[in-house]
Structures are given as C-alpha cells and as structure tokens.
C-alpha cells in the first residue's frame, strides 16, 4: 500500500547529486512513504542511492511521456 503519494520528485540543477543534497527528499520519503522517490538532475547516467533513483532530466522526460513514472 502506498502512502500519501505515489511518487516523490525533486529537481536539482547539480551535475552530481551528493548524499548531502538528498536530505529533503529523504525526510519527505520517511514522513509520507511514497512508492517511488526520484531526483531529476544534470547527471549523465541514471543511478540508485539506496532506494532513491537519480535520473538525468532527459531520461526522466522520456519516462514521464512514456507513462513510466506514475
């Protein structure tokens, strides 16, 4: 069962997302228990940091338009 929301999305302008950049989304995740947590940024390759997906913005838009996010 999902919490208050299905997907938590945070947008960052960073070329590299560090663990210190994830404090906000981590706190939101702990409180609201979304099914997915995604950081959209300027990194070149998608990756995972724990259960948070870090996704380049172009890939995110492709997945969003393809109905693969929600």
Protein backbone atom coordinates (compact mmCIF):
# COMPACT_ATOMS: atom_id res chain seq x y z
CA UNK A 1 0.00 0.00 0.00
CA UNK A 2 1.33 3.41 -0.91
CA UNK A 3 1.47 6.34 1.45
CA UNK A 4 0.20 9.87 0.78
CA UNK A 5 1.62 9.97 -2.75
CA UNK A 6 2.71 7.55 -5.41
CA UNK A 7 5.85 9.40 -6.50
CA UNK A 8 8.10 11.95 -4.83
CA UNK A 9 10.12 14.00 -7.34
CA UNK A 10 12.80 16.56 -6.56
CA UNK A 11 14.60 18.56 -9.24
CA UNK A 12 18.22 19.60 -8.76
CA UNK A 13 20.43 21.72 -11.02
CA UNK A 14 23.51 19.76 -9.98
CA UNK A 15 25.78 17.82 -12.32
CA UNK A 16 26.44 15.39 -9.46
CA UNK A 17 23.99 14.74 -6.64
CA UNK A 18 25.69 14.09 -3.30
CA UNK A 19 24.21 12.48 -0.22
CA UNK A 20 24.00 15.92 1.43
CA UNK A 21 21.74 17.03 -1.45
CA UNK A 22 19.23 14.29 -0.60
CA UNK A 23 18.28 15.39 2.91
CA UNK A 24 14.99 16.95 1.81
CA UNK A 25 13.76 14.06 -0.30
CA UNK A 26 14.87 11.58 2.37
CA UNK A 27 12.87 13.43 5.04
CA UNK A 28 9.83 13.61 2.78
CA UNK A 29 10.16 9.89 1.99
CA UNK A 30 10.34 8.97 5.67
CA UNK A 31 7.25 11.02 6.51
CA UNK A 32 4.98 10.31 3.52
CA UNK A 33 6.14 6.86 2.33
CA UNK A 34 5.78 7.39 -1.45
CA UNK A 35 6.03 4.37 -3.73
CA UNK A 36 8.93 5.92 -5.64
CA UNK A 37 11.45 8.67 -4.93
CA UNK A 38 13.23 10.31 -7.86
CA UNK A 39 15.78 13.10 -8.13
CA UNK A 40 15.90 14.68 -11.58
CA UNK A 41 19.20 16.37 -12.34
CA UNK A 42 22.02 17.03 -14.82
CA UNK A 43 23.93 13.80 -14.18
CA UNK A 44 24.82 11.87 -17.32
CA UNK A 45 23.79 8.38 -16.19
CA UNK A 46 20.91 7.12 -14.04
CA UNK A 47 21.81 5.51 -10.72
CA UNK A 48 20.43 4.47 -7.38
CA UNK A 49 21.31 5.88 -3.99
CA UNK A 50 19.61 3.49 -1.60
CA UNK A 51 16.02 3.46 -2.82
CA UNK A 52 16.18 6.92 -4.42
CA UNK A 53 16.56 6.97 -8.20
CA UNK A 54 18.80 9.69 -9.57
CA UNK A 55 17.85 10.32 -13.18
CA UNK A 56 19.15 12.66 -15.91
CA UNK A 57 16.42 15.11 -16.89
CA UNK A 58 16.20 13.93 -20.50
CA UNK A 59 15.66 10.31 -19.42
CA UNK A 60 13.11 11.44 -16.85
CA UNK A 61 11.10 13.27 -19.53
CA UNK A 62 11.21 10.22 -21.82
CA UNK A 63 9.93 8.03 -18.99
CA UNK A 64 7.29 10.58 -18.00
CA UNK A 65 5.97 10.96 -21.55
CA UNK A 66 6.02 7.16 -21.90
CA UNK A 67 3.84 6.81 -18.77
CA UNK A 68 6.63 5.02 -16.89
CA UNK A 69 6.83 7.36 -13.88
CA UNK A 70 3.29 7.35 -12.46
